[in-house]
C-alpha cells in the first residue's frame, strides 16, 4: 500500500510527530508513504502563513528514512496551497528544496480561506462551484511546478447543507476544462480518501470526476489518506484501489525525486 498524502507536526493543523506517523504506517503494513506537510502562504489575507522550516523538515525526514528503512519507505513531499499571486514564491520554494513529490491544492481564493470563510454558503451553490473551479483552472494555467492536484472537489466539504451541492452535470463543463488542462500538462490527480471521514459518502474526487478523467485520457493518479493522525494512514486504501480498477485504471503512481513510477493495481 502506498499512501502519498500524510501530515505530521510540521503542519500547523497536525499534532502528531513524524515518528508517530511512521510507526502508524508500519502498523498498517504500508509499503511506502510520503509526507506532504502544508505550505500555505497568505492563507487568509492577514499575513498568516502555514509553513515549515525546510532545513528542519529534511533533517527529520533523513533521520526517519534511514531509521525505518527496513520497515517502510519514507519520502518527503509537500502540499502547496496555491493562489494566483503566489506562483513565483511557491515555484522558488519548491525549486530550492529536494522534494520527492508535490501536491498542489487550492485552500484559499483571493486571500480568503475556503475553510474559515466557508464561502460556498454565502452565495448560490453553482456560483460557488463555478468560482472555485475557474480559480483552480487559472492556478493550473500559470503554475507548473507540481505533480498532482490534491482533492480536486474538496469544495464539497464546506457546504453546510450537503444537499445543496449541485448535480455533477450542472458543473461538468467547469471540471472538464480543469481536467483537460491537467492532462495536457502531463500532471495527475489524487484519490483523497478523507472524503469518507468528512462524511461526504465519496472520495475526493467523486466517482463522476474519476470517470470523466479516465474518459478524457487521464492516467496519472495517486492515492492519499490526508491523514493527520496515525489511525487514518492508509484509510480506505484497498477500497480506493478496487474502485480505480473497476473504473479501468491499470496503475497508481508513486513519486521519487519528482519522477513518477507506475505501480500496477493488483
C-alpha atoms as a PDB file:
ATOM      1  CA  UNK A   1       0.000   0.000   0.000  1.00  0.00           C
ATOM      2  CA  UNK A   2       1.235   3.468  -0.924  1.00  0.00           C
ATOM      3  CA  UNK A   3      -0.123   6.458   0.983  1.00  0.00           C
ATOM      4  CA  UNK A   4       1.038   9.646  -0.714  1.00  0.00           C
ATOM      5  CA  UNK A   5      -0.706  12.274   1.401  1.00  0.00           C
ATOM      6  CA  UNK A   6       0.282  12.222   5.082  1.00  0.00           C
ATOM      7  CA  UNK A   7       0.799  15.069   7.551  1.00  0.00           C
ATOM      8  CA  UNK A   8       2.842  15.477  10.729  1.00  0.00           C
ATOM      9  CA  UNK A   9       3.508  18.154  13.320  1.00  0.00           C
ATOM     10  CA  UNK A  10       5.337  20.088  10.606  1.00  0.00           C
ATOM     11  CA  UNK A  11       1.802  21.006   9.505  1.00  0.00           C
ATOM     12  CA  UNK A  12       0.122  23.534  11.786  1.00  0.00           C
ATOM     13  CA  UNK A  13      -3.105  21.507  11.782  1.00  0.00           C
ATOM     14  CA  UNK A  14      -1.459  18.252  12.916  1.00  0.00           C
ATOM     15  CA  UNK A  15      -0.184  17.433  16.416  1.00  0.00           C
ATOM     16  CA  UNK A  16       1.451  14.065  15.759  1.00  0.00           C
ATOM     17  CA  UNK A  17       5.219  13.682  15.500  1.00  0.00           C
ATOM     18  CA  UNK A  18       6.803  12.306  12.349  1.00  0.00           C
ATOM     19  CA  UNK A  19       7.885   9.199  14.271  1.00  0.00           C
ATOM     20  CA  UNK A  20       4.336   8.586  15.478  1.00  0.00           C
ATOM     21  CA  UNK A  21       3.032   8.748  11.914  1.00  0.00           C
ATOM     22  CA  UNK A  22       5.777   6.439  10.682  1.00  0.00           C
ATOM     23  CA  UNK A  23       5.027   3.901  13.400  1.00  0.00           C
ATOM     24  CA  UNK A  24       1.364   4.097  12.479  1.00  0.00           C
ATOM     25  CA  UNK A  25       2.246   3.376   8.848  1.00  0.00           C
ATOM     26  CA  UNK A  26       4.330   0.359   9.843  1.00  0.00           C
ATOM     27  CA  UNK A  27       1.488  -0.970  11.980  1.00  0.00           C
ATOM     28  CA  UNK A  28      -0.833  -0.668   8.967  1.00  0.00           C
ATOM     29  CA  UNK A  29       1.583  -2.578   6.733  1.00  0.00           C
ATOM     30  CA  UNK A  30       2.285   0.318   4.398  1.00  0.00           C
ATOM     31  CA  UNK A  31       4.958  -0.279   1.796  1.00  0.00           C
ATOM     32  CA  UNK A  32       5.664   3.382   1.035  1.00  0.00           C
ATOM     33  CA  UNK A  33       4.477   6.688   2.483  1.00  0.00           C
ATOM     34  CA  UNK A  34       5.087  10.286   1.549  1.00  0.00           C
ATOM     35  CA  UNK A  35       4.819  13.149   3.998  1.00  0.00           C
ATOM     36  CA  UNK A  36       3.115  16.125   2.357  1.00  0.00           C
ATOM     37  CA  UNK A  37       3.093  18.795   5.029  1.00  0.00           C
ATOM     38  CA  UNK A  38       1.439  22.124   4.376  1.00  0.00           C
ATOM     39  CA  UNK A  39       2.891  25.248   2.871  1.00  0.00           C
ATOM     40  CA  UNK A  40       0.122  27.849   2.670  1.00  0.00           C
ATOM     41  CA  UNK A  41       1.293  31.417   2.258  1.00  0.00           C
ATOM     42  CA  UNK A  42      -1.125  34.267   2.876  1.00  0.00           C
ATOM     43  CA  UNK A  43      -3.806  31.789   3.832  1.00  0.00           C
ATOM     44  CA  UNK A  44      -6.473  34.313   4.736  1.00  0.00           C
ATOM     45  CA  UNK A  45      -5.111  37.674   3.651  1.00  0.00           C
ATOM     46  CA  UNK A  46      -3.871  38.592   7.125  1.00  0.00           C
ATOM     47  CA  UNK A  47      -0.234  37.635   6.701  1.00  0.00           C
ATOM     48  CA  UNK A  48      -0.635  34.292   8.458  1.00  0.00           C
ATOM     49  CA  UNK A  49       1.345  31.513   6.797  1.00  0.00           C
ATOM     50  CA  UNK A  50       1.169  27.735   7.211  1.00  0.00           C
ATOM     51  CA  UNK A  51       4.792  26.826   6.629  1.00  0.00           C
ATOM     52  CA  UNK A  52       7.705  24.856   7.999  1.00  0.00           C
ATOM     53  CA  UNK A  53      11.459  25.277   8.129  1.00  0.00           C
ATOM     54  CA  UNK A  54      12.807  23.188   5.231  1.00  0.00           C
ATOM     55  CA  UNK A  55      16.164  22.537   6.898  1.00  0.00           C
ATOM     56  CA  UNK A  56      14.477  21.025   9.965  1.00  0.00           C
ATOM     57  CA  UNK A  57      11.994  19.143   7.803  1.00  0.00           C
ATOM     58  CA  UNK A  58      14.573  17.420   5.633  1.00  0.00           C
ATOM     59  CA  UNK A  59      16.805  16.692   8.598  1.00  0.00           C
ATOM     60  CA  UNK A  60      13.941  14.857  10.264  1.00  0.00           C
ATOM     61  CA  UNK A  61      12.998  13.084   7.029  1.00  0.00           C
ATOM     62  CA  UNK A  62      16.556  11.803   6.599  1.00  0.00           C
ATOM     63  CA  UNK A  63      16.580  10.538  10.188  1.00  0.00           C
ATOM     64  CA  UNK A  64      13.372   8.531   9.923  1.00  0.00           C
ATOM     65  CA  UNK A  65      14.100   7.380   6.384  1.00  0.00           C
ATOM     66  CA  UNK A  66      17.202   5.518   7.498  1.00  0.00           C
ATOM     67  CA  UNK A  67      15.957   4.531  10.936  1.00  0.00           C
ATOM     68  CA  UNK A  68      12.966   2.708   9.479  1.00  0.00           C
ATOM     69  CA  UNK A  69      14.317   1.807   6.040  1.00  0.00           C
ATOM     70  CA  UNK A  70      13.848  -1.928   6.627  1.00  0.00           C
ATOM     71  CA  UNK A  71      10.188  -1.481   7.549  1.00  0.00           C
ATOM     72  CA  UNK A  72       8.716   1.193   5.277  1.00  0.00           C
ATOM     73  CA  UNK A  73       9.883   3.550   2.550  1.00  0.00           C
ATOM     74  CA  UNK A  74       9.592   7.183   3.672  1.00  0.00           C
ATOM     75  CA  UNK A  75       9.536  10.001   1.154  1.00  0.00           C
ATOM     76  CA  UNK A  76       9.451  13.772   1.618  1.00  0.00           C
ATOM     77  CA  UNK A  77       6.813  15.801  -0.157  1.00  0.00           C
ATOM     78  CA  UNK A  78       4.801  18.970   0.296  1.00  0.00           C
ATOM     79  CA  UNK A  79       1.220  20.159  -0.144  1.00  0.00           C
ATOM     80  CA  UNK A  80       1.341  23.622  -1.661  1.00  0.00           C
ATOM     81  CA  UNK A  81      -1.701  25.833  -1.200  1.00  0.00           C
ATOM     82  CA  UNK A  82      -1.790  27.832  -4.421  1.00  0.00           C
ATOM     83  CA  UNK A  83      -3.196  31.286  -5.013  1.00  0.00           C
ATOM     84  CA  UNK A  84      -2.730  33.320  -8.158  1.00  0.00           C
ATOM     85  CA  UNK A  85      -0.435  35.902  -6.547  1.00  0.00           C
ATOM     86  CA  UNK A  86       1.815  33.206  -5.044  1.00  0.00           C
ATOM     87  CA  UNK A  87       3.036  31.331  -8.120  1.00  0.00           C
ATOM     88  CA  UNK A  88       6.544  32.823  -8.181  1.00  0.00           C
ATOM     89  CA  UNK A  89       7.007  32.420  -4.431  1.00  0.00           C
ATOM     90  CA  UNK A  90       5.863  28.792  -4.478  1.00  0.00           C
ATOM     91  CA  UNK A  91       7.944  27.989  -7.532  1.00  0.00           C
ATOM     92  CA  UNK A  92      11.075  29.346  -5.849  1.00  0.00           C
ATOM     93  CA  UNK A  93      10.375  27.392  -2.656  1.00  0.00           C
ATOM     94  CA  UNK A  94       9.887  24.101  -4.495  1.00  0.00           C
ATOM     95  CA  UNK A  95      12.850  24.626  -6.800  1.00  0.00           C
ATOM     96  CA  UNK A  96      15.156  25.197  -3.825  1.00  0.00           C
ATOM     97  CA  UNK A  97      14.199  22.050  -1.916  1.00  0.00           C
ATOM     98  CA  UNK A  98      14.664  18.344  -2.780  1.00  0.00           C
ATOM     99  CA  UNK A  99      11.079  17.152  -2.571  1.00  0.00           C
ATOM    100  CA  UNK A 100      10.114  13.737  -3.865  1.00  0.00           C
ATOM    101  CA  UNK A 101       6.541  14.759  -4.560  1.00  0.00           C
ATOM    102  CA  UNK A 102       4.480  17.949  -4.767  1.00  0.00           C
ATOM    103  CA  UNK A 103       0.719  18.204  -4.347  1.00  0.00           C
ATOM    104  CA  UNK A 104      -0.900  21.448  -5.420  1.00  0.00           C
ATOM    105  CA  UNK A 105      -4.265  22.373  -3.919  1.00  0.00           C
ATOM    106  CA  UNK A 106      -6.494  25.419  -3.642  1.00  0.00           C
ATOM    107  CA  UNK A 107      -7.279  26.180   0.001  1.00  0.00           C
ATOM    108  CA  UNK A 108      -7.908  29.905  -0.445  1.00  0.00           C
ATOM    109  CA  UNK A 109      -9.356  32.123  -3.151  1.00  0.00           C
ATOM    110  CA  UNK A 110      -8.134  35.698  -3.414  1.00  0.00           C
ATOM    111  CA  UNK A 111      -6.639  35.578   0.097  1.00  0.00           C
ATOM    112  CA  UNK A 112      -9.797  34.155   1.672  1.00  0.00           C
ATOM    113  CA  UNK A 113      -9.577  30.716   3.264  1.00  0.00           C
ATOM    114  CA  UNK A 114     -12.222  28.369   1.915  1.00  0.00           C
ATOM    115  CA  UNK A 115     -12.305  26.589   5.260  1.00  0.00           C
ATOM    116  CA  UNK A 116     -12.621  29.519   7.643  1.00  0.00           C
ATOM    117  CA  UNK A 117     -14.808  31.683   5.404  1.00  0.00           C
ATOM    118  CA  UNK A 118     -16.961  28.709   4.313  1.00  0.00           C
ATOM    119  CA  UNK A 119     -17.650  30.772   1.245  1.00  0.00           C
ATOM    120  CA  UNK A 120     -19.906  28.214  -0.529  1.00  0.00           C
ATOM    121  CA  UNK A 121     -22.603  29.099   1.985  1.00  0.00           C
ATOM    122  CA  UNK A 122     -22.674  32.807   1.164  1.00  0.00           C
ATOM    123  CA  UNK A 123     -23.690  32.635  -2.491  1.00  0.00           C
ATOM    124  CA  UNK A 124     -25.758  30.451  -4.817  1.00  0.00           C
ATOM    125  CA  UNK A 125     -24.233  26.948  -4.923  1.00  0.00           C
ATOM    126  CA  UNK A 126     -23.477  26.973  -8.657  1.00  0.00           C
ATOM    127  CA  UNK A 127     -21.820  30.361  -8.341  1.00  0.00           C
ATOM    128  CA  UNK A 128     -19.571  28.965  -5.596  1.00  0.00           C
ATOM    129  CA  UNK A 129     -18.590  25.912  -7.633  1.00  0.00           C
ATOM    130  CA  UNK A 130     -18.006  27.965 -10.776  1.00  0.00           C
ATOM    131  CA  UNK A 131     -15.790  30.387  -8.859  1.00  0.00           C
ATOM    132  CA  UNK A 132     -13.786  27.566  -7.276  1.00  0.00           C
ATOM    133  CA  UNK A 133     -13.175  25.525 -10.438  1.00  0.00           C
ATOM    134  CA  UNK A 134     -12.432  28.592 -12.540  1.00  0.00           C
ATOM    135  CA  UNK A 135      -9.909  29.741  -9.936  1.00  0.00           C
ATOM    136  CA  UNK A 136      -8.334  26.273  -9.865  1.00  0.00           C
ATOM    137  CA  UNK A 137      -8.061  26.364 -13.664  1.00  0.00           C
ATOM    138  CA  UNK A 138      -6.300  29.721 -13.564  1.00  0.00           C
ATOM    139  CA  UNK A 139      -3.848  28.441 -10.948  1.00  0.00           C
ATOM    140  CA  UNK A 140      -3.013  25.400 -13.076  1.00  0.00           C
ATOM    141  CA  UNK A 141      -2.652  27.626 -16.116  1.00  0.00           C
ATOM    142  CA  UNK A 142       0.055  29.798 -14.528  1.00  0.00           C
ATOM    143  CA  UNK A 143       1.826  27.251 -12.312  1.00  0.00           C
ATOM    144  CA  UNK A 144       3.550  24.089 -13.466  1.00  0.00           C
ATOM    145  CA  UNK A 145       5.879  23.024 -10.650  1.00  0.00           C
ATOM    146  CA  UNK A 146       3.754  20.290  -9.085  1.00  0.00           C
ATOM    147  CA  UNK A 147       2.962  16.619  -9.689  1.00  0.00           C
ATOM    148  CA  UNK A 148      -0.721  16.109  -8.871  1.00  0.00           C
ATOM    149  CA  UNK A 149      -3.720  18.224  -7.945  1.00  0.00           C
ATOM    150  CA  UNK A 150      -4.960  17.320  -4.495  1.00  0.00           C
ATOM    151  CA  UNK A 151      -8.599  16.630  -3.543  1.00  0.00           C
ATOM    152  CA  UNK A 152      -9.981  18.414  -6.605  1.00  0.00           C
ATOM    153  CA  UNK A 153     -13.559  18.676  -5.364  1.00  0.00           C
ATOM    154  CA  UNK A 154     -12.742  19.434  -1.721  1.00  0.00           C
ATOM    155  CA  UNK A 155     -15.039  22.459  -2.063  1.00  0.00           C
ATOM    156  CA  UNK A 156     -17.880  19.980  -1.396  1.00  0.00           C
ATOM    157  CA  UNK A 157     -16.689  19.615   2.213  1.00  0.00           C
ATOM    158  CA  UNK A 158     -17.582  23.177   3.065  1.00  0.00           C
ATOM    159  CA  UNK A 159     -21.262  23.207   2.174  1.00  0.00           C
ATOM    160  CA  UNK A 160     -23.115  23.371   5.478  1.00  0.00           C
ATOM    161  CA  UNK A 161     -26.050  21.681   3.764  1.00  0.00           C
ATOM    162  CA  UNK A 162     -24.652  18.926   1.561  1.00  0.00           C
ATOM    163  CA  UNK A 163     -27.974  18.599  -0.240  1.00  0.00           C
ATOM    164  CA  UNK A 164     -27.225  21.994  -1.782  1.00  0.00           C
ATOM    165  CA  UNK A 165     -24.250  20.648  -3.763  1.00  0.00           C
ATOM    166  CA  UNK A 166     -25.358  20.879  -7.408  1.00  0.00           C
ATOM    167  CA  UNK A 167     -25.676  17.797  -9.580  1.00  0.00           C
ATOM    168  CA  UNK A 168     -22.460  16.920 -11.347  1.00  0.00           C
ATOM    169  CA  UNK A 169     -23.930  17.567 -14.805  1.00  0.00           C
ATOM    170  CA  UNK A 170     -24.513  21.200 -13.861  1.00  0.00           C
ATOM    171  CA  UNK A 171     -20.831  21.975 -13.376  1.00  0.00           C
ATOM    172  CA  UNK A 172     -19.340  19.315 -15.656  1.00  0.00           C
ATOM    173  CA  UNK A 173     -18.053  21.907 -18.174  1.00  0.00           C
ATOM    174  CA  UNK A 174     -16.038  23.626 -15.437  1.00  0.00           C
ATOM    175  CA  UNK A 175     -14.380  20.451 -14.149  1.00  0.00           C
ATOM    176  CA  UNK A 176     -13.857  19.110 -17.673  1.00  0.00           C
ATOM    177  CA  UNK A 177     -11.870  22.231 -18.535  1.00  0.00           C
ATOM    178  CA  UNK A 178      -9.698  21.694 -15.445  1.00  0.00           C
ATOM    179  CA  UNK A 179      -9.092  18.016 -16.172  1.00  0.00           C
ATOM    180  CA  UNK A 180      -8.173  18.649 -19.796  1.00  0.00           C
ATOM    181  CA  UNK A 181      -5.533  21.154 -18.733  1.00  0.00           C
ATOM    182  CA  UNK A 182      -4.114  18.762 -16.131  1.00  0.00           C
ATOM    183  CA  UNK A 183      -3.806  16.026 -18.755  1.00  0.00           C
ATOM    184  CA  UNK A 184      -2.364  18.421 -21.329  1.00  0.00           C
ATOM    185  CA  UNK A 185       0.367  19.413 -18.846  1.00  0.00           C
ATOM    186  CA  UNK A 186       1.178  15.740 -18.115  1.00  0.00           C
ATOM    187  CA  UNK A 187       0.175  16.141 -14.472  1.00  0.00           C
ATOM    188  CA  UNK A 188      -2.054  13.936 -12.347  1.00  0.00           C
ATOM    189  CA  UNK A 189      -4.758  13.901  -9.718  1.00  0.00           C
ATOM    190  CA  UNK A 190      -5.082  12.125  -6.396  1.00  0.00           C
ATOM    191  CA  UNK A 191      -7.795   9.994  -4.911  1.00  0.00           C
ATOM    192  CA  UNK A 192      -8.035  11.537  -1.454  1.00  0.00           C
ATOM    193  CA  UNK A 193      -9.888   9.110   0.761  1.00  0.00           C
ATOM    194  CA  UNK A 194     -10.608  11.643   3.504  1.00  0.00           C
ATOM    195  CA  UNK A 195     -13.927  12.464   1.859  1.00  0.00           C
ATOM    196  CA  UNK A 196     -15.278   9.499   3.784  1.00  0.00           C
ATOM    197  CA  UNK A 197     -14.028  10.995   7.049  1.00  0.00           C
ATOM    198  CA  UNK A 198     -15.798  14.228   6.168  1.00  0.00           C
ATOM    199  CA  UNK A 199     -18.976  12.182   5.731  1.00  0.00           C
ATOM    200  CA  UNK A 200     -19.337  13.084   2.067  1.00  0.00           C
ATOM    201  CA  UNK A 201     -20.017   9.466   1.195  1.00  0.00           C
ATOM    202  CA  UNK A 202     -17.365   9.538  -1.551  1.00  0.00           C
ATOM    203  CA  UNK A 203     -13.685  10.175  -2.089  1.00  0.00           C
ATOM    204  CA  UNK A 204     -12.299  13.439  -3.399  1.00  0.00           C
ATOM    205  CA  UNK A 205     -12.773  13.415  -6.290  1.00  0.00           C
ATOM    206  CA  UNK A 206     -16.130  11.736  -6.590  1.00  0.00           C
ATOM    207  CA  UNK A 207     -16.618   8.836  -8.982  1.00  0.00           C
ATOM    208  CA  UNK A 208     -18.099  11.028 -11.731  1.00  0.00           C
ATOM    209  CA  UNK A 209     -14.902  13.096 -11.860  1.00  0.00           C
ATOM    210  CA  UNK A 210     -12.721   9.989 -11.836  1.00  0.00           C
ATOM    211  CA  UNK A 211     -14.730   8.532 -14.704  1.00  0.00           C
ATOM    212  CA  UNK A 212     -14.501  11.782 -16.671  1.00  0.00           C
ATOM    213  CA  UNK A 213     -10.749  11.946 -16.058  1.00  0.00           C
ATOM    214  CA  UNK A 214     -10.385   8.412 -17.423  1.00  0.00           C
ATOM    215  CA  UNK A 215     -12.603   9.147 -20.439  1.00  0.00           C
ATOM    216  CA  UNK A 216     -10.521  12.215 -21.273  1.00  0.00           C
ATOM    217  CA  UNK A 217      -7.383  10.067 -21.290  1.00  0.00           C
ATOM    218  CA  UNK A 218      -6.127  10.788 -17.781  1.00  0.00           C
ATOM    219  CA  UNK A 219      -3.904   8.076 -16.326  1.00  0.00           C
ATOM    220  CA  UNK A 220      -1.694   9.621 -13.638  1.00  0.00           C
ATOM    221  CA  UNK A 221      -3.314   9.064 -10.270  1.00  0.00           C
ATOM    222  CA  UNK A 222      -2.120   8.690  -6.670  1.00  0.00           C
ATOM    223  CA  UNK A 223      -3.888   7.531  -3.521  1.00  0.00           C
ATOM    224  CA  UNK A 224      -3.636   9.513  -0.305  1.00  0.00           C
ATOM    225  CA  UNK A 225      -5.406   9.381   3.038  1.00  0.00           C
ATOM    226  CA  UNK A 226      -4.715  13.013   4.009  1.00  0.00           C
ATOM    227  CA  UNK A 227      -4.077  11.541   7.447  1.00  0.00           C
ATOM    228  CA  UNK A 228      -3.467  13.968  10.313  1.00  0.00           C
ATOM    229  CA  UNK A 229      -3.275  11.132  12.851  1.00  0.00           C
ATOM    230  CA  UNK A 230      -1.785   7.624  12.719  1.00  0.00           C
ATOM    231  CA  UNK A 231      -5.141   5.868  12.801  1.00  0.00           C
ATOM    232  CA  UNK A 232      -6.105   7.219   9.382  1.00  0.00           C
ATOM    233  CA  UNK A 233      -2.954   6.286   7.479  1.00  0.00           C
ATOM    234  CA  UNK A 234      -3.936   4.046   4.575  1.00  0.00           C
ATOM    235  CA  UNK A 235      -7.596   4.878   5.205  1.00  0.00           C
ATOM    236  CA  UNK A 236      -9.843   3.120   2.657  1.00  0.00           C
ATOM    237  CA  UNK A 237      -6.773   2.327   0.554  1.00  0.00           C
ATOM    238  CA  UNK A 238      -7.918  -1.089  -0.645  1.00  0.00           C
ATOM    239  CA  UNK A 239     -11.409   0.211  -1.404  1.00  0.00           C
ATOM    240  CA  UNK A 240      -9.999   3.108  -3.423  1.00  0.00           C
ATOM    241  CA  UNK A 241      -7.684   0.778  -5.315  1.00  0.00           C
ATOM    242  CA  UNK A 242     -10.622  -1.517  -6.097  1.00  0.00           C
ATOM    243  CA  UNK A 243     -12.674   1.427  -7.364  1.00  0.00           C
ATOM    244  CA  UNK A 244      -9.881   2.559  -9.664  1.00  0.00           C
ATOM    245  CA  UNK A 245      -9.513  -0.958 -11.047  1.00  0.00           C
ATOM    246  CA  UNK A 246     -13.261  -1.147 -11.702  1.00  0.00           C
ATOM    247  CA  UNK A 247     -13.109   2.192 -13.494  1.00  0.00           C
ATOM    248  CA  UNK A 248     -10.442   0.868 -15.825  1.00  0.00           C
ATOM    249  CA  UNK A 249      -7.283   2.372 -14.338  1.00  0.00           C
ATOM    250  CA  UNK A 250      -4.365  -0.040 -14.613  1.00  0.00           C
ATOM    251  CA  UNK A 251      -1.842   1.789 -12.445  1.00  0.00           C
ATOM    252  CA  UNK A 252      -1.486   4.042  -9.477  1.00  0.00           C
ATOM    253  CA  UNK A 253       1.604   6.212  -9.353  1.00  0.00           C
ATOM    254  CA  UNK A 254       4.183   6.990  -6.731  1.00  0.00           C
ATOM    255  CA  UNK A 255       6.934   9.600  -6.923  1.00  0.00           C
ATOM    256  CA  UNK A 256      10.593   9.595  -6.014  1.00  0.00           C
ATOM    257  CA  UNK A 257      12.748  12.633  -6.684  1.00  0.00           C
ATOM    258  CA  UNK A 258       9.820  14.143  -8.648  1.00  0.00           C
ATOM    259  CA  UNK A 259       9.825  11.182 -11.063  1.00  0.00           C
ATOM    260  CA  UNK A 260       6.584   9.257 -11.471  1.00  0.00           C
ATOM    261  CA  UNK A 261       6.643   5.477 -11.123  1.00  0.00           C
ATOM    262  CA  UNK A 262       3.683   3.307 -12.176  1.00  0.00           C
ATOM    263  CA  UNK A 263       2.534   0.573  -9.799  1.00  0.00           C
ATOM    264  CA  UNK A 264       0.203  -1.983 -11.326  1.00  0.00           C
ATOM    265  CA  UNK A 265      -3.093  -2.253  -9.487  1.00  0.00           C
ATOM    266  CA  UNK A 266      -3.299  -5.777  -8.100  1.00  0.00           C
END
